[in-house]
N, C-alpha and C. Protein backbone atom coordinates (compact mmCIF):
# COMPACT_ATOMS: atom_id res chain seq x y z
N MET A 1 -0.97 9.19 12.67
CA MET A 1 -0.49 8.44 11.54
C MET A 1 0.94 7.99 11.83
N LYS A 2 1.21 6.75 11.50
CA LYS A 2 2.50 6.14 11.78
C LYS A 2 3.11 5.65 10.47
N ILE A 3 4.42 5.71 10.39
CA ILE A 3 5.15 5.17 9.25
C ILE A 3 5.71 3.81 9.65
N TYR A 4 5.45 2.82 8.82
CA TYR A 4 6.06 1.50 8.95
C TYR A 4 7.04 1.38 7.80
N LYS A 5 8.32 1.22 8.10
CA LYS A 5 9.34 1.21 7.06
C LYS A 5 10.00 -0.17 6.95
N TYR A 6 10.09 -0.62 5.71
CA TYR A 6 10.69 -1.92 5.42
C TYR A 6 11.70 -1.77 4.29
N GLY A 7 12.52 -2.77 4.11
CA GLY A 7 13.59 -2.73 3.12
C GLY A 7 13.18 -3.20 1.73
N ASP A 8 14.17 -3.64 0.98
CA ASP A 8 13.96 -4.12 -0.38
C ASP A 8 13.37 -5.53 -0.38
N ASN A 9 12.70 -5.85 -1.49
CA ASN A 9 12.22 -7.21 -1.78
C ASN A 9 11.27 -7.77 -0.73
N VAL A 10 10.38 -6.93 -0.21
CA VAL A 10 9.33 -7.42 0.69
C VAL A 10 8.34 -8.16 -0.19
N ASP A 11 8.29 -9.48 -0.03
CA ASP A 11 7.46 -10.25 -0.95
C ASP A 11 6.06 -10.50 -0.39
N THR A 12 5.20 -10.99 -1.25
CA THR A 12 3.80 -11.19 -0.88
C THR A 12 3.65 -12.22 0.23
N ASP A 13 4.59 -13.16 0.34
CA ASP A 13 4.53 -14.15 1.42
C ASP A 13 4.86 -13.52 2.78
N VAL A 14 5.56 -12.40 2.77
CA VAL A 14 5.83 -11.67 4.01
C VAL A 14 4.63 -10.77 4.34
N ILE A 15 4.06 -10.16 3.31
CA ILE A 15 2.92 -9.27 3.54
C ILE A 15 1.74 -10.06 4.10
N ILE A 16 1.43 -11.20 3.52
CA ILE A 16 0.42 -12.10 4.07
C ILE A 16 0.90 -13.54 3.87
N PRO A 17 1.37 -14.18 4.93
CA PRO A 17 1.90 -15.53 4.82
C PRO A 17 0.88 -16.51 4.23
N ALA A 18 1.37 -17.40 3.38
CA ALA A 18 0.51 -18.36 2.67
C ALA A 18 -0.35 -19.20 3.61
N ARG A 19 0.12 -19.44 4.82
CA ARG A 19 -0.65 -20.27 5.76
C ARG A 19 -1.98 -19.63 6.16
N HIS A 20 -2.17 -18.35 5.84
CA HIS A 20 -3.40 -17.65 6.20
C HIS A 20 -4.32 -17.38 5.01
N LEU A 21 -4.01 -17.95 3.88
CA LEU A 21 -4.79 -17.66 2.67
C LEU A 21 -6.10 -18.41 2.58
N ASN A 22 -6.33 -19.38 3.44
CA ASN A 22 -7.58 -20.15 3.38
C ASN A 22 -8.78 -19.34 3.82
N ASP A 23 -8.56 -18.26 4.53
CA ASP A 23 -9.66 -17.40 4.96
C ASP A 23 -9.57 -16.10 4.16
N PRO A 24 -10.40 -15.96 3.14
CA PRO A 24 -10.30 -14.79 2.27
C PRO A 24 -10.92 -13.51 2.85
N ASP A 25 -11.47 -13.59 4.07
CA ASP A 25 -12.06 -12.41 4.69
C ASP A 25 -10.98 -11.35 4.92
N PRO A 26 -11.18 -10.13 4.41
CA PRO A 26 -10.15 -9.09 4.58
C PRO A 26 -9.74 -8.85 6.03
N LYS A 27 -10.67 -8.90 6.97
CA LYS A 27 -10.32 -8.69 8.38
C LYS A 27 -9.42 -9.81 8.90
N ALA A 28 -9.67 -11.03 8.46
CA ALA A 28 -8.82 -12.15 8.87
C ALA A 28 -7.42 -11.99 8.28
N LEU A 29 -7.34 -11.55 7.04
CA LEU A 29 -6.04 -11.31 6.42
C LEU A 29 -5.30 -10.20 7.17
N ALA A 30 -6.01 -9.14 7.51
CA ALA A 30 -5.41 -8.01 8.21
C ALA A 30 -4.81 -8.44 9.55
N ALA A 31 -5.44 -9.39 10.20
CA ALA A 31 -4.97 -9.86 11.51
C ALA A 31 -3.60 -10.53 11.43
N HIS A 32 -3.20 -10.94 10.23
CA HIS A 32 -1.91 -11.62 10.05
C HIS A 32 -0.95 -10.86 9.13
N CYS A 33 -1.34 -9.66 8.74
CA CYS A 33 -0.54 -8.86 7.81
C CYS A 33 0.83 -8.56 8.41
N MET A 34 1.86 -8.81 7.66
CA MET A 34 3.26 -8.50 7.97
C MET A 34 3.82 -9.27 9.18
N GLU A 35 3.10 -10.26 9.68
CA GLU A 35 3.52 -10.88 10.94
C GLU A 35 4.88 -11.57 10.87
N ASP A 36 5.31 -11.99 9.68
CA ASP A 36 6.62 -12.66 9.60
C ASP A 36 7.79 -11.68 9.52
N ILE A 37 7.51 -10.40 9.32
CA ILE A 37 8.58 -9.40 9.27
C ILE A 37 8.44 -8.39 10.41
N ASP A 38 7.20 -8.24 10.91
CA ASP A 38 6.90 -7.25 11.94
C ASP A 38 5.74 -7.78 12.79
N ILE A 39 6.06 -8.52 13.82
CA ILE A 39 5.06 -9.22 14.62
C ILE A 39 4.02 -8.28 15.23
N ASP A 40 4.37 -7.03 15.45
CA ASP A 40 3.44 -6.09 16.07
C ASP A 40 2.59 -5.29 15.07
N PHE A 41 2.85 -5.43 13.78
CA PHE A 41 2.16 -4.62 12.78
C PHE A 41 0.64 -4.70 12.93
N ALA A 42 0.08 -5.89 12.90
CA ALA A 42 -1.38 -6.04 12.93
C ALA A 42 -1.99 -5.50 14.22
N LYS A 43 -1.22 -5.51 15.30
CA LYS A 43 -1.72 -5.02 16.59
C LYS A 43 -1.64 -3.51 16.72
N THR A 44 -0.72 -2.90 15.97
CA THR A 44 -0.48 -1.47 16.17
C THR A 44 -0.90 -0.58 15.01
N VAL A 45 -1.06 -1.14 13.82
CA VAL A 45 -1.42 -0.32 12.66
C VAL A 45 -2.80 0.31 12.87
N GLN A 46 -2.91 1.56 12.46
CA GLN A 46 -4.15 2.32 12.61
C GLN A 46 -4.58 2.86 11.25
N PRO A 47 -5.87 3.11 11.09
CA PRO A 47 -6.33 3.70 9.82
C PRO A 47 -5.56 4.99 9.52
N GLY A 48 -5.06 5.09 8.32
CA GLY A 48 -4.31 6.26 7.90
C GLY A 48 -2.81 6.10 7.97
N ASP A 49 -2.32 5.00 8.57
CA ASP A 49 -0.89 4.76 8.62
C ASP A 49 -0.36 4.47 7.22
N ILE A 50 0.94 4.68 7.05
CA ILE A 50 1.57 4.54 5.74
C ILE A 50 2.71 3.53 5.83
N VAL A 51 2.80 2.68 4.80
CA VAL A 51 3.90 1.74 4.69
C VAL A 51 4.89 2.30 3.67
N VAL A 52 6.17 2.29 4.04
CA VAL A 52 7.25 2.73 3.16
C VAL A 52 8.14 1.53 2.91
N GLY A 53 8.40 1.26 1.65
CA GLY A 53 9.21 0.11 1.30
C GLY A 53 10.35 0.46 0.38
N GLY A 54 11.24 -0.47 0.22
CA GLY A 54 12.38 -0.28 -0.67
C GLY A 54 12.05 -0.68 -2.09
N ALA A 55 13.04 -1.21 -2.77
CA ALA A 55 12.88 -1.64 -4.16
C ALA A 55 12.14 -2.97 -4.23
N ASN A 56 11.38 -3.14 -5.31
CA ASN A 56 10.70 -4.40 -5.62
C ASN A 56 9.68 -4.81 -4.56
N PHE A 57 9.00 -3.83 -3.99
CA PHE A 57 7.99 -4.12 -2.97
C PHE A 57 6.87 -4.95 -3.58
N GLY A 58 6.45 -6.00 -2.89
CA GLY A 58 5.36 -6.85 -3.35
C GLY A 58 5.77 -7.90 -4.35
N CYS A 59 7.05 -8.24 -4.39
CA CYS A 59 7.51 -9.28 -5.31
C CYS A 59 6.98 -10.64 -4.84
N GLY A 60 7.18 -11.65 -5.64
CA GLY A 60 6.74 -12.99 -5.26
C GLY A 60 5.50 -13.40 -6.02
N SER A 61 4.61 -14.05 -5.34
CA SER A 61 3.42 -14.59 -6.00
C SER A 61 2.47 -13.48 -6.41
N SER A 62 1.53 -13.84 -7.25
CA SER A 62 0.61 -12.84 -7.81
C SER A 62 -0.65 -12.66 -6.98
N ARG A 63 -0.66 -13.14 -5.76
CA ARG A 63 -1.88 -13.10 -4.97
C ARG A 63 -2.36 -11.68 -4.67
N GLU A 64 -3.64 -11.49 -4.88
CA GLU A 64 -4.29 -10.21 -4.58
C GLU A 64 -4.44 -10.02 -3.07
N HIS A 65 -4.27 -11.09 -2.31
CA HIS A 65 -4.42 -11.04 -0.86
C HIS A 65 -3.45 -10.05 -0.20
N ALA A 66 -2.27 -9.85 -0.80
CA ALA A 66 -1.25 -9.00 -0.17
C ALA A 66 -1.70 -7.54 -0.08
N PRO A 67 -2.07 -6.89 -1.19
CA PRO A 67 -2.55 -5.52 -1.03
C PRO A 67 -3.87 -5.46 -0.27
N LEU A 68 -4.69 -6.49 -0.39
CA LEU A 68 -5.96 -6.52 0.34
C LEU A 68 -5.72 -6.54 1.85
N ALA A 69 -4.72 -7.31 2.29
CA ALA A 69 -4.39 -7.36 3.73
C ALA A 69 -3.92 -6.00 4.22
N LEU A 70 -3.11 -5.31 3.42
CA LEU A 70 -2.64 -3.98 3.80
C LEU A 70 -3.81 -3.00 3.89
N LYS A 71 -4.66 -3.01 2.88
CA LYS A 71 -5.81 -2.10 2.87
C LYS A 71 -6.74 -2.38 4.04
N ALA A 72 -7.02 -3.65 4.28
CA ALA A 72 -7.92 -4.03 5.38
C ALA A 72 -7.32 -3.69 6.74
N SER A 73 -6.00 -3.56 6.79
CA SER A 73 -5.33 -3.16 8.03
C SER A 73 -5.50 -1.68 8.33
N GLY A 74 -5.96 -0.93 7.33
CA GLY A 74 -6.13 0.51 7.50
C GLY A 74 -5.03 1.34 6.86
N VAL A 75 -4.09 0.68 6.18
CA VAL A 75 -3.00 1.40 5.54
C VAL A 75 -3.56 2.36 4.51
N LYS A 76 -3.16 3.63 4.62
CA LYS A 76 -3.64 4.68 3.71
C LYS A 76 -3.02 4.54 2.33
N CYS A 77 -1.72 4.23 2.31
CA CYS A 77 -1.02 4.06 1.04
C CYS A 77 0.32 3.40 1.31
N VAL A 78 0.95 2.99 0.21
CA VAL A 78 2.31 2.46 0.26
C VAL A 78 3.16 3.37 -0.61
N ILE A 79 4.31 3.75 -0.08
CA ILE A 79 5.32 4.52 -0.82
C ILE A 79 6.54 3.62 -0.90
N ALA A 80 7.05 3.39 -2.11
CA ALA A 80 8.21 2.52 -2.26
C ALA A 80 9.13 3.02 -3.36
N LYS A 81 10.36 2.49 -3.35
CA LYS A 81 11.31 2.82 -4.42
C LYS A 81 10.80 2.27 -5.74
N SER A 82 10.29 1.03 -5.72
CA SER A 82 9.71 0.41 -6.90
C SER A 82 8.83 -0.76 -6.45
N TYR A 83 7.99 -1.21 -7.36
CA TYR A 83 7.04 -2.28 -7.06
C TYR A 83 7.18 -3.41 -8.06
N ALA A 84 6.87 -4.60 -7.58
CA ALA A 84 6.68 -5.71 -8.50
C ALA A 84 5.42 -5.37 -9.31
N ARG A 85 5.48 -5.63 -10.59
CA ARG A 85 4.41 -5.21 -11.50
C ARG A 85 3.04 -5.74 -11.11
N ILE A 86 2.93 -7.01 -10.76
CA ILE A 86 1.63 -7.59 -10.44
C ILE A 86 1.09 -7.02 -9.12
N PHE A 87 1.95 -6.72 -8.15
CA PHE A 87 1.51 -6.11 -6.90
C PHE A 87 0.96 -4.71 -7.18
N TYR A 88 1.63 -3.98 -8.04
CA TYR A 88 1.18 -2.64 -8.41
C TYR A 88 -0.24 -2.70 -8.98
N ARG A 89 -0.44 -3.60 -9.93
CA ARG A 89 -1.76 -3.72 -10.56
C ARG A 89 -2.81 -4.23 -9.57
N ASN A 90 -2.47 -5.21 -8.76
CA ASN A 90 -3.41 -5.72 -7.76
C ASN A 90 -3.81 -4.64 -6.76
N SER A 91 -2.86 -3.78 -6.40
CA SER A 91 -3.16 -2.69 -5.47
C SER A 91 -4.20 -1.75 -6.07
N ILE A 92 -4.01 -1.38 -7.30
CA ILE A 92 -4.97 -0.52 -7.98
C ILE A 92 -6.33 -1.22 -8.06
N ASN A 93 -6.31 -2.49 -8.44
CA ASN A 93 -7.56 -3.24 -8.59
C ASN A 93 -8.40 -3.28 -7.32
N ILE A 94 -7.75 -3.27 -6.17
CA ILE A 94 -8.52 -3.31 -4.91
C ILE A 94 -8.64 -1.94 -4.25
N GLY A 95 -8.08 -0.91 -4.90
CA GLY A 95 -8.24 0.45 -4.41
C GLY A 95 -7.26 0.89 -3.35
N LEU A 96 -6.07 0.31 -3.34
CA LEU A 96 -5.01 0.72 -2.41
C LEU A 96 -4.06 1.67 -3.14
N PRO A 97 -4.00 2.94 -2.75
CA PRO A 97 -3.10 3.86 -3.44
C PRO A 97 -1.64 3.53 -3.16
N ILE A 98 -0.85 3.54 -4.22
CA ILE A 98 0.58 3.30 -4.10
C ILE A 98 1.33 4.34 -4.91
N LEU A 99 2.42 4.82 -4.36
CA LEU A 99 3.24 5.82 -5.03
C LEU A 99 4.67 5.32 -5.12
N GLU A 100 5.27 5.51 -6.28
CA GLU A 100 6.66 5.16 -6.47
C GLU A 100 7.50 6.42 -6.39
N CYS A 101 8.37 6.46 -5.39
CA CYS A 101 9.24 7.64 -5.21
C CYS A 101 10.49 7.19 -4.46
N PRO A 102 11.54 6.84 -5.21
CA PRO A 102 12.77 6.36 -4.56
C PRO A 102 13.33 7.32 -3.52
N GLU A 103 13.30 8.62 -3.80
CA GLU A 103 13.87 9.60 -2.87
C GLU A 103 13.10 9.61 -1.54
N ALA A 104 11.78 9.60 -1.63
CA ALA A 104 10.96 9.59 -0.41
C ALA A 104 11.15 8.29 0.36
N ALA A 105 11.15 7.18 -0.36
CA ALA A 105 11.30 5.87 0.29
C ALA A 105 12.64 5.77 1.02
N GLU A 106 13.65 6.39 0.47
CA GLU A 106 14.97 6.38 1.10
C GLU A 106 15.02 7.29 2.32
N ALA A 107 14.42 8.48 2.21
CA ALA A 107 14.58 9.51 3.25
C ALA A 107 13.62 9.36 4.43
N ILE A 108 12.40 8.94 4.18
CA ILE A 108 11.40 8.86 5.24
C ILE A 108 11.82 7.82 6.27
N ALA A 109 11.71 8.18 7.53
CA ALA A 109 12.09 7.27 8.62
C ALA A 109 10.85 6.85 9.40
N ALA A 110 10.92 5.70 10.01
CA ALA A 110 9.84 5.26 10.90
C ALA A 110 9.64 6.34 11.95
N GLY A 111 8.40 6.68 12.20
CA GLY A 111 8.09 7.70 13.19
C GLY A 111 7.89 9.09 12.62
N ASP A 112 8.31 9.32 11.36
CA ASP A 112 8.10 10.63 10.74
C ASP A 112 6.62 10.89 10.52
N GLN A 113 6.25 12.16 10.50
CA GLN A 113 4.89 12.57 10.16
C GLN A 113 4.87 12.89 8.66
N VAL A 114 4.08 12.14 7.93
CA VAL A 114 4.07 12.24 6.47
C VAL A 114 2.65 12.41 5.97
N SER A 115 2.49 13.30 4.99
CA SER A 115 1.19 13.45 4.33
C SER A 115 1.40 13.27 2.83
N VAL A 116 0.33 12.86 2.16
CA VAL A 116 0.40 12.57 0.74
C VAL A 116 -0.75 13.27 0.03
N ASP A 117 -0.43 13.95 -1.05
CA ASP A 117 -1.45 14.54 -1.92
C ASP A 117 -1.45 13.71 -3.19
N PHE A 118 -2.44 12.84 -3.32
CA PHE A 118 -2.49 11.93 -4.46
C PHE A 118 -2.73 12.66 -5.77
N ALA A 119 -3.42 13.79 -5.72
CA ALA A 119 -3.72 14.54 -6.95
C ALA A 119 -2.46 15.13 -7.56
N THR A 120 -1.51 15.53 -6.72
CA THR A 120 -0.28 16.15 -7.23
C THR A 120 0.93 15.22 -7.14
N GLY A 121 0.84 14.17 -6.33
CA GLY A 121 1.98 13.28 -6.12
C GLY A 121 2.97 13.82 -5.11
N ILE A 122 2.61 14.89 -4.41
CA ILE A 122 3.54 15.49 -3.45
C ILE A 122 3.45 14.75 -2.11
N ILE A 123 4.60 14.32 -1.65
CA ILE A 123 4.75 13.65 -0.37
C ILE A 123 5.48 14.62 0.55
N THR A 124 4.89 14.94 1.68
CA THR A 124 5.49 15.89 2.61
C THR A 124 5.87 15.19 3.90
N ASP A 125 7.14 15.25 4.23
CA ASP A 125 7.63 14.73 5.50
C ASP A 125 7.83 15.94 6.40
N SER A 126 6.81 16.22 7.23
CA SER A 126 6.88 17.42 8.08
C SER A 126 7.90 17.26 9.20
N THR A 127 8.26 16.05 9.57
CA THR A 127 9.28 15.83 10.59
C THR A 127 10.63 16.32 10.10
N GLN A 128 10.94 16.02 8.85
CA GLN A 128 12.23 16.41 8.29
C GLN A 128 12.18 17.73 7.51
N GLY A 129 10.96 18.24 7.31
CA GLY A 129 10.81 19.47 6.54
C GLY A 129 11.15 19.29 5.07
N LYS A 130 10.85 18.12 4.53
CA LYS A 130 11.17 17.82 3.13
C LYS A 130 9.91 17.47 2.36
N THR A 131 9.93 17.79 1.08
CA THR A 131 8.88 17.34 0.18
C THR A 131 9.51 16.54 -0.95
N PHE A 132 8.73 15.62 -1.46
CA PHE A 132 9.19 14.75 -2.53
C PHE A 132 8.12 14.72 -3.61
N GLN A 133 8.54 14.56 -4.84
CA GLN A 133 7.59 14.52 -5.95
C GLN A 133 7.53 13.13 -6.53
N ALA A 134 6.42 12.48 -6.32
CA ALA A 134 6.13 11.21 -6.98
C ALA A 134 5.23 11.53 -8.17
N ALA A 135 5.13 10.62 -9.08
CA ALA A 135 4.18 10.81 -10.18
C ALA A 135 2.77 10.74 -9.59
N ALA A 136 1.95 11.73 -9.93
CA ALA A 136 0.55 11.69 -9.49
C ALA A 136 -0.13 10.51 -10.16
N LEU A 137 -1.14 9.97 -9.50
CA LEU A 137 -1.88 8.88 -10.12
C LEU A 137 -2.60 9.41 -11.35
N PRO A 138 -2.48 8.74 -12.49
CA PRO A 138 -3.24 9.16 -13.66
C PRO A 138 -4.74 9.18 -13.31
N GLU A 139 -5.49 10.03 -13.98
CA GLU A 139 -6.89 10.23 -13.64
C GLU A 139 -7.68 8.92 -13.62
N PHE A 140 -7.48 8.06 -14.61
CA PHE A 140 -8.24 6.81 -14.65
C PHE A 140 -7.89 5.90 -13.49
N ILE A 141 -6.63 5.90 -13.06
CA ILE A 141 -6.24 5.09 -11.90
C ILE A 141 -6.76 5.72 -10.62
N ASP A 142 -6.68 7.05 -10.52
CA ASP A 142 -7.22 7.74 -9.35
C ASP A 142 -8.72 7.45 -9.22
N ASN A 143 -9.44 7.42 -10.33
CA ASN A 143 -10.87 7.11 -10.29
C ASN A 143 -11.12 5.70 -9.75
N ILE A 144 -10.28 4.76 -10.15
CA ILE A 144 -10.41 3.38 -9.64
C ILE A 144 -10.15 3.36 -8.14
N VAL A 145 -9.08 4.01 -7.70
CA VAL A 145 -8.73 4.04 -6.28
C VAL A 145 -9.82 4.74 -5.47
N GLN A 146 -10.28 5.90 -5.95
CA GLN A 146 -11.31 6.65 -5.24
C GLN A 146 -12.62 5.88 -5.16
N SER A 147 -12.89 5.02 -6.14
CA SER A 147 -14.11 4.21 -6.13
C SER A 147 -14.00 3.01 -5.20
N GLY A 148 -12.79 2.72 -4.73
CA GLY A 148 -12.59 1.58 -3.85
C GLY A 148 -12.13 0.33 -4.57
N GLY A 149 -11.75 0.47 -5.83
CA GLY A 149 -11.24 -0.66 -6.59
C GLY A 149 -11.84 -0.73 -7.98
N LEU A 150 -11.29 -1.62 -8.78
CA LEU A 150 -11.70 -1.74 -10.17
C LEU A 150 -13.16 -2.15 -10.32
N LEU A 151 -13.58 -3.17 -9.61
CA LEU A 151 -14.96 -3.65 -9.75
C LEU A 151 -15.96 -2.58 -9.33
N LYS A 152 -15.70 -1.91 -8.21
CA LYS A 152 -16.60 -0.84 -7.76
C LYS A 152 -16.61 0.31 -8.77
N SER A 153 -15.48 0.60 -9.38
CA SER A 153 -15.40 1.64 -10.39
C SER A 153 -16.23 1.28 -11.61
N LEU A 154 -16.13 0.03 -12.03
CA LEU A 154 -16.92 -0.41 -13.19
C LEU A 154 -18.41 -0.42 -12.88
N LYS A 155 -18.77 -0.81 -11.68
CA LYS A 155 -20.18 -0.79 -11.29
C LYS A 155 -20.71 0.63 -11.27
N ALA A 156 -19.92 1.58 -10.77
CA ALA A 156 -20.35 2.97 -10.70
C ALA A 156 -20.56 3.56 -12.10
N ARG A 157 -19.79 3.06 -13.06
CA ARG A 157 -19.93 3.53 -14.43
C ARG A 157 -20.99 2.75 -15.21
N GLY A 158 -21.59 1.74 -14.57
CA GLY A 158 -22.62 0.94 -15.21
C GLY A 158 -22.07 -0.09 -16.18
N VAL A 159 -20.78 -0.38 -16.09
CA VAL A 159 -20.14 -1.35 -16.99
C VAL A 159 -20.25 -2.77 -16.44
N ALA A 160 -20.35 -2.90 -15.13
CA ALA A 160 -20.46 -4.22 -14.48
C ALA A 160 -21.59 -4.20 -13.48
N LYS A 161 -22.07 -5.38 -13.16
CA LYS A 161 -23.16 -5.51 -12.18
C LYS A 161 -22.66 -6.10 -10.89
């Protein structure tokens, strides 16, 4: 597992550049994820890797493509100081776990070994020997994330077809 760390105000146009939005296939989006801020991201990201961001992560346009590109890249979760509101909701809708924890986002460094317990909100940086407490995902949000997104959650409950 690898940590990819970015600063404040990483916007949706950086997460997935608008020039790649014509192909809605998640794998195609993943191939271009973060390329304008980190040219090697799509080539090196592995399933289970974690993105750490600063304040206002996911600001900009309301496109759902941004969290979808991260999820399709194999990103396990995003930890940030704060999120743009629409990015936060879009992440939940597509089943990408995100945790808000300013202390963890500040302290975690690229290359650290980090684990996350979504049930408790505990983030453990074993490289630094530190733990951080983020708010655990509320049960209804955790159910959406565990189901793989809002639509899959509704289908599992028999509310949608």
